[in-house]
Amino acid sequence: MPTITPDTTIIVAGTFPVDGSQAAALLAAANEMRAATLQEDGCVEYRFSFATDDVNTMMVFEEWRDQDALTAHFVAPHMAVFQAALAGLVTGAPVVHKFAVSGKGPLR
């Protein structure tokens, strides 16, 4: 596994099994979480979406300046609020991966 240095960009991507019939509540919680998280130092991008082939799968994509920023995110007050809001809406174990990126640029 590559070494994650303090200045390595971090990408987080994953899926959450959710109760798609509760889309309005999911979107409200996700939008509130996104707005708060984008204000965090080191957050470059933070997005939620639903799988086009399964309304019961919510996806997350995050980009963080470095590991320290992501670590701080985990203890942000709005993280606890978001987790509480999702408690009755997530129907199984999320699958989330962290990627350490040494560089990025346009797709060519």
PDB file of N, CA and C in Angstrom:
ATOM      1  N   MET A   1       0.857  -1.186   0.000  1.00  0.00           N
ATOM      2  CA  MET A   1       0.000   0.000   0.000  1.00  0.00           C
ATOM      3  C   MET A   1       0.893   1.236   0.000  1.00  0.00           C
ATOM      4  N   PRO A   2       0.550   2.243  -0.822  1.00  0.00           N
ATOM      5  CA  PRO A   2       1.368   3.450  -0.848  1.00  0.00           C
ATOM      6  C   PRO A   2       1.285   4.204   0.473  1.00  0.00           C
ATOM      7  N   THR A   3       2.351   4.914   0.762  1.00  0.00           N
ATOM      8  CA  THR A   3       2.389   5.724   1.966  1.00  0.00           C
ATOM      9  C   THR A   3       1.517   6.961   1.784  1.00  0.00           C
ATOM     10  N   ILE A   4       0.710   7.254   2.790  1.00  0.00           N
ATOM     11  CA  ILE A   4      -0.110   8.468   2.766  1.00  0.00           C
ATOM     12  C   ILE A   4       0.635   9.517   3.575  1.00  0.00           C
ATOM     13  N   THR A   5       1.177  10.498   2.895  1.00  0.00           N
ATOM     14  CA  THR A   5       1.874  11.583   3.564  1.00  0.00           C
ATOM     15  C   THR A   5       0.870  12.669   3.920  1.00  0.00           C
ATOM     16  N   PRO A   6       1.247  13.575   4.812  1.00  0.00           N
ATOM     17  CA  PRO A   6       0.300  14.623   5.214  1.00  0.00           C
ATOM     18  C   PRO A   6      -0.217  15.477   4.059  1.00  0.00           C
ATOM     19  N   ASP A   7       0.518  15.532   2.943  1.00  0.00           N
ATOM     20  CA  ASP A   7       0.072  16.378   1.835  1.00  0.00           C
ATOM     21  C   ASP A   7      -0.524  15.593   0.671  1.00  0.00           C
ATOM     22  N   THR A   8      -0.886  14.341   0.901  1.00  0.00           N
ATOM     23  CA  THR A   8      -1.504  13.528  -0.134  1.00  0.00           C
ATOM     24  C   THR A   8      -2.994  13.844  -0.221  1.00  0.00           C
ATOM     25  N   THR A   9      -3.494  14.118  -1.435  1.00  0.00           N
ATOM     26  CA  THR A   9      -4.926  14.331  -1.637  1.00  0.00           C
ATOM     27  C   THR A   9      -5.662  13.026  -1.336  1.00  0.00           C
ATOM     28  N   ILE A  10      -6.782  13.134  -0.663  1.00  0.00           N
ATOM     29  CA  ILE A  10      -7.579  11.966  -0.295  1.00  0.00           C
ATOM     30  C   ILE A  10      -8.917  12.022  -1.028  1.00  0.00           C
ATOM     31  N   ILE A  11      -9.269  10.914  -1.663  1.00  0.00           N
ATOM     32  CA  ILE A  11     -10.576  10.739  -2.292  1.00  0.00           C
ATOM     33  C   ILE A  11     -11.322   9.673  -1.501  1.00  0.00           C
ATOM     34  N   VAL A  12     -12.556   9.945  -1.188  1.00  0.00           N
ATOM     35  CA  VAL A  12     -13.427   8.975  -0.522  1.00  0.00           C
ATOM     36  C   VAL A  12     -14.606   8.728  -1.451  1.00  0.00           C
ATOM     37  N   ALA A  13     -14.892   7.467  -1.710  1.00  0.00           N
ATOM     38  CA  ALA A  13     -16.030   7.117  -2.567  1.00  0.00           C
ATOM     39  C   ALA A  13     -16.694   5.880  -1.989  1.00  0.00           C
ATOM     40  N   GLY A  14     -18.020   5.878  -2.018  1.00  0.00           N
ATOM     41  CA  GLY A  14     -18.706   4.723  -1.474  1.00  0.00           C
ATOM     42  C   GLY A  14     -20.190   4.707  -1.763  1.00  0.00           C
ATOM     43  N   THR A  15     -20.804   3.642  -1.293  1.00  0.00           N
ATOM     44  CA  THR A  15     -22.245   3.459  -1.459  1.00  0.00           C
ATOM     45  C   THR A  15     -22.877   3.110  -0.114  1.00  0.00           C
ATOM     46  N   PHE A  16     -24.134   3.528   0.020  1.00  0.00           N
ATOM     47  CA  PHE A  16     -24.922   3.256   1.213  1.00  0.00           C
ATOM     48  C   PHE A  16     -26.239   2.638   0.772  1.00  0.00           C
ATOM     49  N   PRO A  17     -26.594   1.463   1.289  1.00  0.00           N
ATOM     50  CA  PRO A  17     -27.938   0.963   1.014  1.00  0.00           C
ATOM     51  C   PRO A  17     -28.931   1.779   1.843  1.00  0.00           C
ATOM     52  N   VAL A  18     -29.937   2.313   1.182  1.00  0.00           N
ATOM     53  CA  VAL A  18     -30.883   3.205   1.849  1.00  0.00           C
ATOM     54  C   VAL A  18     -32.313   2.818   1.510  1.00  0.00           C
ATOM     55  N   ASP A  19     -33.232   3.386   2.259  1.00  0.00           N
ATOM     56  CA  ASP A  19     -34.660   3.236   1.980  1.00  0.00           C
ATOM     57  C   ASP A  19     -35.040   4.311   0.968  1.00  0.00           C
ATOM     58  N   GLY A  20     -35.034   3.951  -0.306  1.00  0.00           N
ATOM     59  CA  GLY A  20     -35.308   4.901  -1.381  1.00  0.00           C
ATOM     60  C   GLY A  20     -36.671   5.558  -1.295  1.00  0.00           C
ATOM     61  N   SER A  21     -37.602   4.944  -0.578  1.00  0.00           N
ATOM     62  CA  SER A  21     -38.920   5.566  -0.431  1.00  0.00           C
ATOM     63  C   SER A  21     -38.845   6.806   0.460  1.00  0.00           C
ATOM     64  N   GLN A  22     -37.719   6.967   1.135  1.00  0.00           N
ATOM     65  CA  GLN A  22     -37.495   8.127   1.996  1.00  0.00           C
ATOM     66  C   GLN A  22     -36.560   9.144   1.330  1.00  0.00           C
ATOM     67  N   ALA A  23     -36.625   9.243   0.006  1.00  0.00           N
ATOM     68  CA  ALA A  23     -35.712  10.090  -0.757  1.00  0.00           C
ATOM     69  C   ALA A  23     -35.709  11.537  -0.266  1.00  0.00           C
ATOM     70  N   ALA A  24     -36.862  12.081   0.070  1.00  0.00           N
ATOM     71  CA  ALA A  24     -36.916  13.478   0.513  1.00  0.00           C
ATOM     72  C   ALA A  24     -36.097  13.673   1.793  1.00  0.00           C
ATOM     73  N   ALA A  25     -36.235  12.772   2.746  1.00  0.00           N
ATOM     74  CA  ALA A  25     -35.470  12.863   3.997  1.00  0.00           C
ATOM     75  C   ALA A  25     -33.984  12.654   3.743  1.00  0.00           C
ATOM     76  N   LEU A  26     -33.652  11.715   2.858  1.00  0.00           N
ATOM     77  CA  LEU A  26     -32.250  11.476   2.505  1.00  0.00           C
ATOM     78  C   LEU A  26     -31.630  12.708   1.866  1.00  0.00           C
ATOM     79  N   LEU A  27     -32.342  13.304   0.910  1.00  0.00           N
ATOM     80  CA  LEU A  27     -31.825  14.488   0.234  1.00  0.00           C
ATOM     81  C   LEU A  27     -31.674  15.661   1.193  1.00  0.00           C
ATOM     82  N   ALA A  28     -32.617  15.843   2.088  1.00  0.00           N
ATOM     83  CA  ALA A  28     -32.527  16.938   3.051  1.00  0.00           C
ATOM     84  C   ALA A  28     -31.295  16.759   3.940  1.00  0.00           C
ATOM     85  N   ALA A  29     -31.091  15.564   4.457  1.00  0.00           N
ATOM     86  CA  ALA A  29     -29.929  15.305   5.318  1.00  0.00           C
ATOM     87  C   ALA A  29     -28.629  15.454   4.530  1.00  0.00           C
ATOM     88  N   ALA A  30     -28.601  14.918   3.307  1.00  0.00           N
ATOM     89  CA  ALA A  30     -27.393  14.986   2.478  1.00  0.00           C
ATOM     90  C   ALA A  30     -27.063  16.431   2.101  1.00  0.00           C
ATOM     91  N   ASN A  31     -28.062  17.214   1.741  1.00  0.00           N
ATOM     92  CA  ASN A  31     -27.814  18.601   1.358  1.00  0.00           C
ATOM     93  C   ASN A  31     -27.334  19.441   2.536  1.00  0.00           C
ATOM     94  N   GLU A  32     -27.891  19.192   3.713  1.00  0.00           N
ATOM     95  CA  GLU A  32     -27.443  19.899   4.910  1.00  0.00           C
ATOM     96  C   GLU A  32     -25.997  19.517   5.234  1.00  0.00           C
ATOM     97  N   MET A  33     -25.695  18.225   5.136  1.00  0.00           N
ATOM     98  CA  MET A  33     -24.341  17.758   5.402  1.00  0.00           C
ATOM     99  C   MET A  33     -23.359  18.342   4.393  1.00  0.00           C
ATOM    100  N   ARG A  34     -23.730  18.347   3.139  1.00  0.00           N
ATOM    101  CA  ARG A  34     -22.846  18.874   2.093  1.00  0.00           C
ATOM    102  C   ARG A  34     -22.540  20.350   2.339  1.00  0.00           C
ATOM    103  N   ALA A  35     -23.565  21.133   2.615  1.00  0.00           N
ATOM    104  CA  ALA A  35     -23.368  22.572   2.831  1.00  0.00           C
ATOM    105  C   ALA A  35     -22.409  22.825   3.998  1.00  0.00           C
ATOM    106  N   ALA A  36     -22.587  22.095   5.079  1.00  0.00           N
ATOM    107  CA  ALA A  36     -21.716  22.279   6.248  1.00  0.00           C
ATOM    108  C   ALA A  36     -20.301  21.794   5.957  1.00  0.00           C
ATOM    109  N   THR A  37     -20.181  20.675   5.279  1.00  0.00           N
ATOM    110  CA  THR A  37     -18.864  20.093   5.023  1.00  0.00           C
ATOM    111  C   THR A  37     -18.056  20.948   4.062  1.00  0.00           C
ATOM    112  N   LEU A  38     -18.692  21.541   3.074  1.00  0.00           N
ATOM    113  CA  LEU A  38     -17.962  22.387   2.136  1.00  0.00           C
ATOM    114  C   LEU A  38     -17.336  23.604   2.822  1.00  0.00           C
ATOM    115  N   GLN A  39     -17.794  23.932   4.019  1.00  0.00           N
ATOM    116  CA  GLN A  39     -17.217  25.035   4.781  1.00  0.00           C
ATOM    117  C   GLN A  39     -15.976  24.611   5.564  1.00  0.00           C
ATOM    118  N   GLU A  40     -15.726  23.315   5.641  1.00  0.00           N
ATOM    119  CA  GLU A  40     -14.581  22.817   6.401  1.00  0.00           C
ATOM    120  C   GLU A  40     -13.272  23.111   5.675  1.00  0.00           C
ATOM    121  N   ASP A  41     -12.258  23.461   6.451  1.00  0.00           N
ATOM    122  CA  ASP A  41     -10.927  23.658   5.897  1.00  0.00           C
ATOM    123  C   ASP A  41     -10.434  22.331   5.314  1.00  0.00           C
ATOM    124  N   GLY A  42     -10.037  22.358   4.075  1.00  0.00           N
ATOM    125  CA  GLY A  42      -9.490  21.161   3.441  1.00  0.00           C
ATOM    126  C   GLY A  42     -10.469  20.364   2.617  1.00  0.00           C
ATOM    127  N   CYS A  43     -11.758  20.719   2.645  1.00  0.00           N
ATOM    128  CA  CYS A  43     -12.734  20.028   1.809  1.00  0.00           C
ATOM    129  C   CYS A  43     -12.714  20.654   0.420  1.00  0.00           C
ATOM    130  N   VAL A  44     -12.426  19.836  -0.582  1.00  0.00           N
ATOM    131  CA  VAL A  44     -12.397  20.305  -1.967  1.00  0.00           C
ATOM    132  C   VAL A  44     -13.726  20.015  -2.659  1.00  0.00           C
ATOM    133  N   GLU A  45     -14.284  18.829  -2.407  1.00  0.00           N
ATOM    134  CA  GLU A  45     -15.568  18.432  -3.002  1.00  0.00           C
ATOM    135  C   GLU A  45     -16.267  17.453  -2.074  1.00  0.00           C
ATOM    136  N   TYR A  46     -17.592  17.515  -2.086  1.00  0.00           N
ATOM    137  CA  TYR A  46     -18.399  16.630  -1.240  1.00  0.00           C
ATOM    138  C   TYR A  46     -19.756  16.489  -1.911  1.00  0.00           C
ATOM    139  N   ARG A  47     -20.057  15.309  -2.423  1.00  0.00           N
ATOM    140  CA  ARG A  47     -21.292  15.099  -3.200  1.00  0.00           C
ATOM    141  C   ARG A  47     -21.976  13.794  -2.818  1.00  0.00           C
ATOM    142  N   PHE A  48     -23.295  13.841  -2.870  1.00  0.00           N
ATOM    143  CA  PHE A  48     -24.119  12.647  -2.753  1.00  0.00           C
ATOM    144  C   PHE A  48     -24.923  12.503  -4.037  1.00  0.00           C
ATOM    145  N   SER A  49     -25.238  11.270  -4.400  1.00  0.00           N
ATOM    146  CA  SER A  49     -26.104  11.011  -5.546  1.00  0.00           C
ATOM    147  C   SER A  49     -26.766   9.652  -5.336  1.00  0.00           C
ATOM    148  N   PHE A  50     -27.729   9.367  -6.185  1.00  0.00           N
ATOM    149  CA  PHE A  50     -28.369   8.056  -6.157  1.00  0.00           C
ATOM    150  C   PHE A  50     -27.961   7.284  -7.395  1.00  0.00           C
ATOM    151  N   ALA A  51     -27.794   5.981  -7.247  1.00  0.00           N
ATOM    152  CA  ALA A  51     -27.453   5.138  -8.390  1.00  0.00           C
ATOM    153  C   ALA A  51     -28.595   5.198  -9.399  1.00  0.00           C
ATOM    154  N   THR A  52     -28.263   5.327 -10.666  1.00  0.00           N
ATOM    155  CA  THR A  52     -29.298   5.430 -11.698  1.00  0.00           C
ATOM    156  C   THR A  52     -30.050   4.123 -11.884  1.00  0.00           C
ATOM    157  N   ASP A  53     -29.465   3.026 -11.447  1.00  0.00           N
ATOM    158  CA  ASP A  53     -30.115   1.728 -11.612  1.00  0.00           C
ATOM    159  C   ASP A  53     -30.715   1.177 -10.321  1.00  0.00           C
ATOM    160  N   ASP A  54     -30.628   1.956  -9.212  1.00  0.00           N
ATOM    161  CA  ASP A  54     -31.129   1.451  -7.936  1.00  0.00           C
ATOM    162  C   ASP A  54     -31.406   2.622  -6.989  1.00  0.00           C
ATOM    163  N   VAL A  55     -32.665   2.980  -6.808  1.00  0.00           N
ATOM    164  CA  VAL A  55     -33.025   4.103  -5.937  1.00  0.00           C
ATOM    165  C   VAL A  55     -32.711   3.822  -4.472  1.00  0.00           C
ATOM    166  N   ASN A  56     -32.348   2.583  -4.172  1.00  0.00           N
ATOM    167  CA  ASN A  56     -32.003   2.212  -2.805  1.00  0.00           C
ATOM    168  C   ASN A  56     -30.496   2.259  -2.549  1.00  0.00           C
ATOM    169  N   THR A  57     -29.755   2.889  -3.453  1.00  0.00           N
ATOM    170  CA  THR A  57     -28.308   3.044  -3.277  1.00  0.00           C
ATOM    171  C   THR A  57     -27.948   4.514  -3.388  1.00  0.00           C
ATOM    172  N   MET A  58     -27.444   5.056  -2.277  1.00  0.00           N
ATOM    173  CA  MET A  58     -26.939   6.422  -2.258  1.00  0.00           C
ATOM    174  C   MET A  58     -25.416   6.353  -2.345  1.00  0.00           C
ATOM    175  N   MET A  59     -24.832   7.245  -3.149  1.00  0.00           N
ATOM    176  CA  MET A  59     -23.387   7.257  -3.331  1.00  0.00           C
ATOM    177  C   MET A  59     -22.801   8.538  -2.755  1.00  0.00           C
ATOM    178  N   VAL A  60     -21.555   8.450  -2.316  1.00  0.00           N
ATOM    179  CA  VAL A  60     -20.842   9.614  -1.806  1.00  0.00           C
ATOM    180  C   VAL A  60     -19.512   9.726  -2.544  1.00  0.00           C
ATOM    181  N   PHE A  61     -19.123  10.960  -2.823  1.00  0.00           N
ATOM    182  CA  PHE A  61     -17.812  11.260  -3.394  1.00  0.00           C
ATOM    183  C   PHE A  61     -17.259  12.456  -2.634  1.00  0.00           C
ATOM    184  N   GLU A  62     -16.048  12.298  -2.118  1.00  0.00           N
ATOM    185  CA  GLU A  62     -15.404  13.369  -1.358  1.00  0.00           C
ATOM    186  C   GLU A  62     -13.980  13.556  -1.859  1.00  0.00           C
ATOM    187  N   GLU A  63     -13.514  14.808  -1.846  1.00  0.00           N
ATOM    188  CA  GLU A  63     -12.111  15.092  -2.103  1.00  0.00           C
ATOM    189  C   GLU A  63     -11.614  15.995  -0.984  1.00  0.00           C
ATOM    190  N   TRP A  64     -10.502  15.581  -0.379  1.00  0.00           N
ATOM    191  CA  TRP A  64      -9.917  16.298   0.753  1.00  0.00           C
ATOM    192  C   TRP A  64      -8.484  16.691   0.443  1.00  0.00           C
ATOM    193  N   ARG A  65      -8.086  17.850   0.892  1.00  0.00           N
ATOM    194  CA  ARG A  65      -6.739  18.352   0.667  1.00  0.00           C
ATOM    195  C   ARG A  65      -5.692  17.370   1.199  1.00  0.00           C
ATOM    196  N   ASP A  66      -5.982  16.771   2.354  1.00  0.00           N
ATOM    197  CA  ASP A  66      -5.028  15.858   2.971  1.00  0.00           C
ATOM    198  C   ASP A  66      -5.729  15.035   4.057  1.00  0.00           C
ATOM    199  N   GLN A  67      -4.984  14.104   4.633  1.00  0.00           N
ATOM    200  CA  GLN A  67      -5.538  13.220   5.661  1.00  0.00           C
ATOM    201  C   GLN A  67      -5.961  14.001   6.903  1.00  0.00           C
ATOM    202  N   ASP A  68      -5.201  15.026   7.274  1.00  0.00           N
ATOM    203  CA  ASP A  68      -5.559  15.807   8.459  1.00  0.00           C
ATOM    204  C   ASP A  68      -6.944  16.441   8.316  1.00  0.00           C
ATOM    205  N   ALA A  69      -7.255  16.942   7.131  1.00  0.00           N
ATOM    206  CA  ALA A  69      -8.576  17.541   6.898  1.00  0.00           C
ATOM    207  C   ALA A  69      -9.679  16.497   7.013  1.00  0.00           C
ATOM    208  N   LEU A  70      -9.435  15.312   6.471  1.00  0.00           N
ATOM    209  CA  LEU A  70     -10.434  14.241   6.566  1.00  0.00           C
ATOM    210  C   LEU A  70     -10.613  13.800   8.013  1.00  0.00           C
ATOM    211  N   THR A  71      -9.527  13.688   8.738  1.00  0.00           N
ATOM    212  CA  THR A  71      -9.597  13.291  10.149  1.00  0.00           C
ATOM    213  C   THR A  71     -10.417  14.301  10.950  1.00  0.00           C
ATOM    214  N   ALA A  72     -10.209  15.583  10.689  1.00  0.00           N
ATOM    215  CA  ALA A  72     -10.984  16.624  11.382  1.00  0.00           C
ATOM    216  C   ALA A  72     -12.464  16.524  11.027  1.00  0.00           C
ATOM    217  N   HIS A  73     -12.750  16.168   9.787  1.00  0.00           N
ATOM    218  CA  HIS A  73     -14.139  16.025   9.331  1.00  0.00           C
ATOM    219  C   HIS A  73     -14.905  14.991  10.165  1.00  0.00           C
ATOM    220  N   PHE A  74     -14.229  13.906  10.501  1.00  0.00           N
ATOM    221  CA  PHE A  74     -14.893  12.829  11.241  1.00  0.00           C
ATOM    222  C   PHE A  74     -15.393  13.265  12.614  1.00  0.00           C
ATOM    223  N   VAL A  75     -14.805  14.297  13.190  1.00  0.00           N
ATOM    224  CA  VAL A  75     -15.231  14.754  14.517  1.00  0.00           C
ATOM    225  C   VAL A  75     -15.980  16.085  14.467  1.00  0.00           C
ATOM    226  N   ALA A  76     -16.305  16.556  13.263  1.00  0.00           N
ATOM    227  CA  ALA A  76     -17.067  17.799  13.126  1.00  0.00           C
ATOM    228  C   ALA A  76     -18.477  17.587  13.690  1.00  0.00           C
ATOM    229  N   PRO A  77     -19.028  18.584  14.355  1.00  0.00           N
ATOM    230  CA  PRO A  77     -20.366  18.435  14.945  1.00  0.00           C
ATOM    231  C   PRO A  77     -21.439  18.031  13.930  1.00  0.00           C
ATOM    232  N   HIS A  78     -21.371  18.557  12.710  1.00  0.00           N
ATOM    233  CA  HIS A  78     -22.395  18.211  11.725  1.00  0.00           C
ATOM    234  C   HIS A  78     -22.300  16.754  11.279  1.00  0.00           C
ATOM    235  N   MET A  79     -21.164  16.101  11.498  1.00  0.00           N
ATOM    236  CA  MET A  79     -21.051  14.666  11.186  1.00  0.00           C
ATOM    237  C   MET A  79     -21.957  13.858  12.113  1.00  0.00           C
ATOM    238  N   ALA A  80     -21.962  14.191  13.386  1.00  0.00           N
ATOM    239  CA  ALA A  80     -22.825  13.484  14.346  1.00  0.00           C
ATOM    240  C   ALA A  80     -24.300  13.716  14.027  1.00  0.00           C
ATOM    241  N   VAL A  81     -24.642  14.934  13.646  1.00  0.00           N
ATOM    242  CA  VAL A  81     -26.029  15.250  13.282  1.00  0.00           C
ATOM    243  C   VAL A  81     -26.437  14.438  12.056  1.00  0.00           C
ATOM    244  N   PHE A  82     -25.556  14.368  11.066  1.00  0.00           N
ATOM    245  CA  PHE A  82     -25.832  13.618   9.840  1.00  0.00           C
ATOM    246  C   PHE A  82     -25.996  12.128  10.130  1.00  0.00           C
ATOM    247  N   GLN A  83     -25.113  11.583  10.928  1.00  0.00           N
ATOM    248  CA  GLN A  83     -25.209  10.159  11.261  1.00  0.00           C
ATOM    249  C   GLN A  83     -26.517   9.846  11.992  1.00  0.00           C
ATOM    250  N   ALA A  84     -26.940  10.725  12.853  1.00  0.00           N
ATOM    251  CA  ALA A  84     -28.213  10.526  13.553  1.00  0.00           C
ATOM    252  C   ALA A  84     -29.379  10.589  12.570  1.00  0.00           C
ATOM    253  N   ALA A  85     -29.308  11.515  11.610  1.00  0.00           N
ATOM    254  CA  ALA A  85     -30.380  11.650  10.621  1.00  0.00           C
ATOM    255  C   ALA A  85     -30.477  10.413   9.740  1.00  0.00           C
ATOM    256  N   LEU A  86     -29.341   9.787   9.450  1.00  0.00           N
ATOM    257  CA  LEU A  86     -29.338   8.605   8.586  1.00  0.00           C
ATOM    258  C   LEU A  86     -29.710   7.317   9.306  1.00  0.00           C
ATOM    259  N   ALA A  87     -29.730   7.350  10.618  1.00  0.00           N
ATOM    260  CA  ALA A  87     -29.929   6.124  11.402  1.00  0.00           C
ATOM    261  C   ALA A  87     -31.118   5.294  10.931  1.00  0.00           C
ATOM    262  N   GLY A  88     -32.231   5.897  10.642  1.00  0.00           N
ATOM    263  CA  GLY A  88     -33.397   5.149  10.207  1.00  0.00           C
ATOM    264  C   GLY A  88     -33.530   5.016   8.703  1.00  0.00           C
ATOM    265  N   LEU A  89     -32.586   5.586   7.966  1.00  0.00           N
ATOM    266  CA  LEU A  89     -32.687   5.610   6.513  1.00  0.00           C
ATOM    267  C   LEU A  89     -31.698   4.674   5.815  1.00  0.00           C
ATOM    268  N   VAL A  90     -30.589   4.390   6.478  1.00  0.00           N
ATOM    269  CA  VAL A  90     -29.606   3.450   5.932  1.00  0.00           C
ATOM    270  C   VAL A  90     -30.037   2.045   6.338  1.00  0.00           C
ATOM    271  N   THR A  91     -30.106   1.155   5.359  1.00  0.00           N
ATOM    272  CA  THR A  91     -30.679  -0.174   5.603  1.00  0.00           C
ATOM    273  C   THR A  91     -29.643  -1.289   5.682  1.00  0.00           C
ATOM    274  N   GLY A  92     -28.380  -0.938   5.617  1.00  0.00           N
ATOM    275  CA  GLY A  92     -27.332  -1.950   5.683  1.00  0.00           C
ATOM    276  C   GLY A  92     -25.981  -1.286   5.836  1.00  0.00           C
ATOM    277  N   ALA A  93     -24.945  -2.101   5.716  1.00  0.00           N
ATOM    278  CA  ALA A  93     -23.585  -1.591   5.900  1.00  0.00           C
ATOM    279  C   ALA A  93     -23.110  -0.823   4.667  1.00  0.00           C
ATOM    280  N   PRO A  94     -22.596   0.382   4.873  1.00  0.00           N
ATOM    281  CA  PRO A  94     -22.014   1.124   3.755  1.00  0.00           C
ATOM    282  C   PRO A  94     -20.729   0.439   3.278  1.00  0.00           C
ATOM    283  N   VAL A  95     -20.391   0.687   2.031  1.00  0.00           N
ATOM    284  CA  VAL A  95     -19.112   0.256   1.467  1.00  0.00           C
ATOM    285  C   VAL A  95     -18.409   1.532   1.030  1.00  0.00           C
ATOM    286  N   VAL A  96     -17.362   1.917   1.762  1.00  0.00           N
ATOM    287  CA  VAL A  96     -16.685   3.178   1.504  1.00  0.00           C
ATOM    288  C   VAL A  96     -15.183   2.911   1.431  1.00  0.00           C
ATOM    289  N   HIS A  97     -14.551   3.519   0.435  1.00  0.00           N
ATOM    290  CA  HIS A  97     -13.112   3.352   0.239  1.00  0.00           C
ATOM    291  C   HIS A  97     -12.422   4.708   0.251  1.00  0.00           C
ATOM    292  N   LYS A  98     -11.180   4.707   0.747  1.00  0.00           N
ATOM    293  CA  LYS A  98     -10.342   5.898   0.753  1.00  0.00           C
ATOM    294  C   LYS A  98      -9.201   5.663  -0.232  1.00  0.00           C
ATOM    295  N   PHE A  99      -8.956   6.660  -1.083  1.00  0.00           N
ATOM    296  CA  PHE A  99      -7.891   6.587  -2.076  1.00  0.00           C
ATOM    297  C   PHE A  99      -6.894   7.715  -1.797  1.00  0.00           C
ATOM    298  N   ALA A 100      -5.618   7.384  -1.769  1.00  0.00           N
ATOM    299  CA  ALA A 100      -4.566   8.387  -1.649  1.00  0.00           C
ATOM    300  C   ALA A 100      -4.082   8.711  -3.052  1.00  0.00           C
ATOM    301  N   VAL A 101      -4.174   9.979  -3.423  1.00  0.00           N
ATOM    302  CA  VAL A 101      -3.885  10.400  -4.788  1.00  0.00           C
ATOM    303  C   VAL A 101      -2.641  11.285  -4.773  1.00  0.00           C
ATOM    304  N   SER A 102      -1.697  10.960  -5.617  1.00  0.00           N
ATOM    305  CA  SER A 102      -0.462  11.747  -5.659  1.00  0.00           C
ATOM    306  C   SER A 102      -0.528  12.865  -6.693  1.00  0.00           C
ATOM    307  N   GLY A 103      -1.511  12.866  -7.550  1.00  0.00           N
ATOM    308  CA  GLY A 103      -1.659  13.919  -8.542  1.00  0.00           C
ATOM    309  C   GLY A 103      -2.981  13.794  -9.267  1.00  0.00           C
ATOM    310  N   LYS A 104      -3.405  14.901  -9.866  1.00  0.00           N
ATOM    311  CA  LYS A 104      -4.633  14.864 -10.654  1.00  0.00           C
ATOM    312  C   LYS A 104      -4.550  15.867 -11.780  1.00  0.00           C
ATOM    313  N   GLY A 105      -5.333  15.673 -12.796  1.00  0.00           N
ATOM    314  CA  GLY A 105      -5.380  16.566 -13.938  1.00  0.00           C
ATOM    315  C   GLY A 105      -6.538  16.194 -14.820  1.00  0.00           C
ATOM    316  N   PRO A 106      -6.717  16.925 -15.891  1.00  0.00           N
ATOM    317  CA  PRO A 106      -7.848  16.637 -16.782  1.00  0.00           C
ATOM    318  C   PRO A 106      -7.711  15.267 -17.460  1.00  0.00           C
ATOM    319  N   LEU A 107      -8.834  14.654 -17.717  1.00  0.00           N
ATOM    320  CA  LEU A 107      -8.878  13.378 -18.435  1.00  0.00           C
ATOM    321  C   LEU A 107      -8.604  13.656 -19.902  1.00  0.00           C
ATOM    322  N   ARG A 108      -7.650  12.973 -20.434  1.00  0.00           N
ATOM    323  CA  ARG A 108      -7.297  13.187 -21.857  1.00  0.00           C
ATOM    324  C   ARG A 108      -7.297  11.877 -22.584  1.00  0.00           C
TER     325      ARG A 108
END
